[in-house]
C-alpha atoms as a PDB file:
ATOM      1  CA  MET A   1     152.110 116.303 100.453  1.00  0.00           C
ATOM      2  CA  ILE A   2     150.860 113.793  97.873  1.00  0.00           C
ATOM      3  CA  LEU A   3     154.217 113.907  96.123  1.00  0.00           C
ATOM      4  CA  GLU A   4     156.011 113.102  99.396  1.00  0.00           C
ATOM      5  CA  GLN A   5     153.687 110.159 100.004  1.00  0.00           C
ATOM      6  CA  ASN A   6     154.315 108.862  96.515  1.00  0.00           C
ATOM      7  CA  ILE A   7     158.059 109.205  96.966  1.00  0.00           C
ATOM      8  CA  GLN A   8     157.874 107.450 100.324  1.00  0.00           C
ATOM      9  CA  ARG A   9     155.846 104.562  98.816  1.00  0.00           C
ATOM     10  CA  VAL A  10     158.353 104.263  95.983  1.00  0.00           C
ATOM     11  CA  GLU A  11     161.209 104.190  98.519  1.00  0.00           C
ATOM     12  CA  GLU A  12     159.437 101.528 100.581  1.00  0.00           C
ATOM     13  CA  LYS A  13     158.834  99.431  97.476  1.00  0.00           C
ATOM     14  CA  LEU A  14     162.458  99.902  96.470  1.00  0.00           C
ATOM     15  CA  HIS A  15     163.643  98.723  99.911  1.00  0.00           C
ATOM     16  CA  LEU A  16     161.374  95.674  99.691  1.00  0.00           C
ATOM     17  CA  LEU A  17     162.643  94.944  96.207  1.00  0.00           C
ATOM     18  CA  LEU A  18     166.265  95.234  97.342  1.00  0.00           C
ATOM     19  CA  LYS A  19     165.561  92.971 100.295  1.00  0.00           C
ATOM     20  CA  LYS A  20     163.958  90.352  98.023  1.00  0.00           C
ATOM     21  CA  MET A  21     166.855  90.642  95.595  1.00  0.00           C
ATOM     22  CA  GLN A  22     169.327  89.965  98.408  1.00  0.00           C
ATOM     23  CA  GLN A  23     167.304  86.948  99.510  1.00  0.00           C
ATOM     24  CA  VAL A  24     167.195  85.603  95.955  1.00  0.00           C
ATOM     25  CA  GLN A  25     170.942  86.155  95.561  1.00  0.00           C
ATOM     26  CA  LEU A  26     171.606  84.312  98.816  1.00  0.00           C
ATOM     27  CA  GLU A  27     169.329  81.462  97.763  1.00  0.00           C
ATOM     28  CA  ASN A  28     171.059  81.360  94.378  1.00  0.00           C
ATOM     29  CA  THR A  29     174.450  81.117  96.060  1.00  0.00           C
ATOM     30  CA  LEU A  30     173.242  78.300  98.308  1.00  0.00           C
ATOM     31  CA  LEU A  31     171.734  76.442  95.352  1.00  0.00           C
ATOM     32  CA  ARG A  32     174.978  76.763  93.382  1.00  0.00           C
ATOM     33  CA  GLU A  33     176.923  75.344  96.319  1.00  0.00           C
ATOM     34  CA  GLU A  34     174.456  72.475  96.612  1.00  0.00           C
ATOM     35  CA  LEU A  35     174.700  71.853  92.872  1.00  0.00           C
ATOM     36  CA  ASN A  36     178.495  71.707  93.092  1.00  0.00           C
ATOM     37  CA  THR A  37     178.249  69.276  95.992  1.00  0.00           C
ATOM     38  CA  ARG A  38     175.785  67.068  94.093  1.00  0.00           C
ATOM     39  CA  GLN A  39     177.961  67.119  90.964  1.00  0.00           C
ATOM     40  CA  GLN A  40     180.968  66.103  93.034  1.00  0.00           C
ATOM     41  CA  GLU A  41     178.987  63.273  94.653  1.00  0.00           C
ATOM     42  CA  LEU A  42     177.798  62.157  91.217  1.00  0.00           C
ATOM     43  CA  GLN A  43     181.371  62.041  89.903  1.00  0.00           C
ATOM     44  CA  GLU A  44     182.450  60.000  92.923  1.00  0.00           C
ATOM     45  CA  GLN A  45     179.552  57.590  92.435  1.00  0.00           C
ATOM     46  CA  GLN A  46     180.314  57.261  88.725  1.00  0.00           C
ATOM     47  CA  GLY A  47     183.939  56.492  89.610  1.00  0.00           C
ATOM     48  CA  ALA A  48     182.815  53.864  92.101  1.00  0.00           C
ATOM     49  CA  ILE A  49     180.470  52.329  89.526  1.00  0.00           C
ATOM     50  CA  GLN A  50     183.251  52.196  86.950  1.00  0.00           C
ATOM     51  CA  HIS A  51     185.578  50.600  89.484  1.00  0.00           C
ATOM     52  CA  LEU A  52     182.972  47.959  90.334  1.00  0.00           C
ATOM     53  CA  GLU A  53     182.250  47.278  86.662  1.00  0.00           C
ATOM     54  CA  ASP A  54     185.969  46.817  86.018  1.00  0.00           C
ATOM     55  CA  LYS A  55     186.189  44.495  88.993  1.00  0.00           C
ATOM     56  CA  LEU A  56     183.185  42.496  87.748  1.00  0.00           C
ATOM     57  CA  GLN A  57     184.764  42.219  84.306  1.00  0.00           C
ATOM     58  CA  LEU A  58     187.977  40.894  85.827  1.00  0.00           C
ATOM     59  CA  MET A  59     186.053  38.401  87.946  1.00  0.00           C
ATOM     60  CA  LYS A  60     184.184  37.161  84.878  1.00  0.00           C
ATOM     61  CA  ILE A  61     187.451  36.772  82.989  1.00  0.00           C
ATOM     62  CA  ALA A  62     188.992  34.911  85.907  1.00  0.00           C
ATOM     63  CA  ALA A  63     185.970  32.618  86.199  1.00  0.00           C
ATOM     64  CA  THR A  64     186.030  31.958  82.467  1.00  0.00           C
ATOM     65  CA  THR A  65     189.717  31.116  82.400  1.00  0.00           C
ATOM     66  CA  GLN A  66     189.318  28.797  85.382  1.00  0.00           C
ATOM     67  CA  GLY A  67     186.529  26.920  83.662  1.00  0.00           C
ATOM     68  CA  ALA A  68     183.835  27.870  86.128  1.00  0.00           C
ATOM     69  CA  ASN A  69     180.338  26.812  85.175  1.00  0.00           C
ATOM     70  CA  PRO A  70     178.255  29.719  83.920  1.00  0.00           C
ATOM     71  CA  VAL A  71     175.203  30.576  85.959  1.00  0.00           C
ATOM     72  CA  ALA A  72     173.284  32.539  83.336  1.00  0.00           C
ATOM     73  CA  GLU A  73     173.130  32.898  79.585  1.00  0.00           C
ATOM     74  CA  ASP A  74     174.890  36.232  79.931  1.00  0.00           C
ATOM     75  CA  ASP A  75     177.868  34.404  81.383  1.00  0.00           C
ATOM     76  CA  MET A  76     177.806  31.902  78.528  1.00  0.00           C
ATOM     77  CA  ALA A  77     177.823  34.716  75.976  1.00  0.00           C
ATOM     78  CA  PHE A  78     180.625  36.418  77.844  1.00  0.00           C
ATOM     79  CA  ARG A  79     182.557  33.173  77.958  1.00  0.00           C
ATOM     80  CA  LYS A  80     182.212  32.762  74.179  1.00  0.00           C
ATOM     81  CA  GLU A  81     183.294  36.347  73.671  1.00  0.00           C
ATOM     82  CA  ILE A  82     186.424  35.876  75.802  1.00  0.00           C
ATOM     83  CA  ARG A  83     187.292  32.620  74.022  1.00  0.00           C
ATOM     84  CA  GLY A  84     186.885  34.381  70.682  1.00  0.00           C
ATOM     85  CA  LYS A  85     189.189  37.187  71.784  1.00  0.00           C
ATOM     86  CA  ILE A  86     191.758  34.719  73.065  1.00  0.00           C
ATOM     87  CA  ASN A  87     191.635  32.840  69.760  1.00  0.00           C
ATOM     88  CA  ASP A  88     192.083  36.110  67.863  1.00  0.00           C
ATOM     89  CA  TYR A  89     195.110  36.952  70.023  1.00  0.00           C
ATOM     90  CA  ILE A  90     196.609  33.516  69.414  1.00  0.00           C
ATOM     91  CA  LYS A  91     196.138  33.898  65.651  1.00  0.00           C
ATOM     92  CA  GLU A  92     197.773  37.327  65.768  1.00  0.00           C
ATOM     93  CA  ILE A  93     200.697  35.972  67.806  1.00  0.00           C
ATOM     94  CA  ASP A  94     201.121  33.089  65.333  1.00  0.00           C
ATOM     95  CA  ARG A  95     201.103  35.576  62.452  1.00  0.00           C
ATOM     96  CA  CYS A  96     203.750  37.695  64.167  1.00  0.00           C
ATOM     97  CA  ILE A  97     205.919  34.633  64.816  1.00  0.00           C
ATOM     98  CA  ALA A  98     205.603  33.621  61.147  1.00  0.00           C
ATOM     99  CA  LEU A  99     206.668  37.115  60.079  1.00  0.00           C
ATOM    100  CA  LEU A 100     209.641  37.021  62.434  1.00  0.00           C
ATOM    101  CA  ASN A 101     210.726  33.611  61.139  1.00  0.00           C
ATOM    102  CA  ALA A 102     210.470  34.661  57.487  1.00  0.00           C
END
């Protein structure tokens, strides 16, 4: 009789354990799906941020080339940087022309 009770308690505990395991597996599956969704949203947001940063860069370049007055020191530094790059490109083009003419 005691042995049967012990076996029955073990079986009950085993059923509870299996039930909890199934719940944990289901929760794990749901969390993985949510993680995938969040990762996808993060990638989309990072793409949108990159697109906006590129757009901002182009707008700064356009404003610099049109001679717009800078609003902040950041813009002034950017303007100097762009002018420096343009000057470097002009020097490189002049060097290439000299090589072609030689």
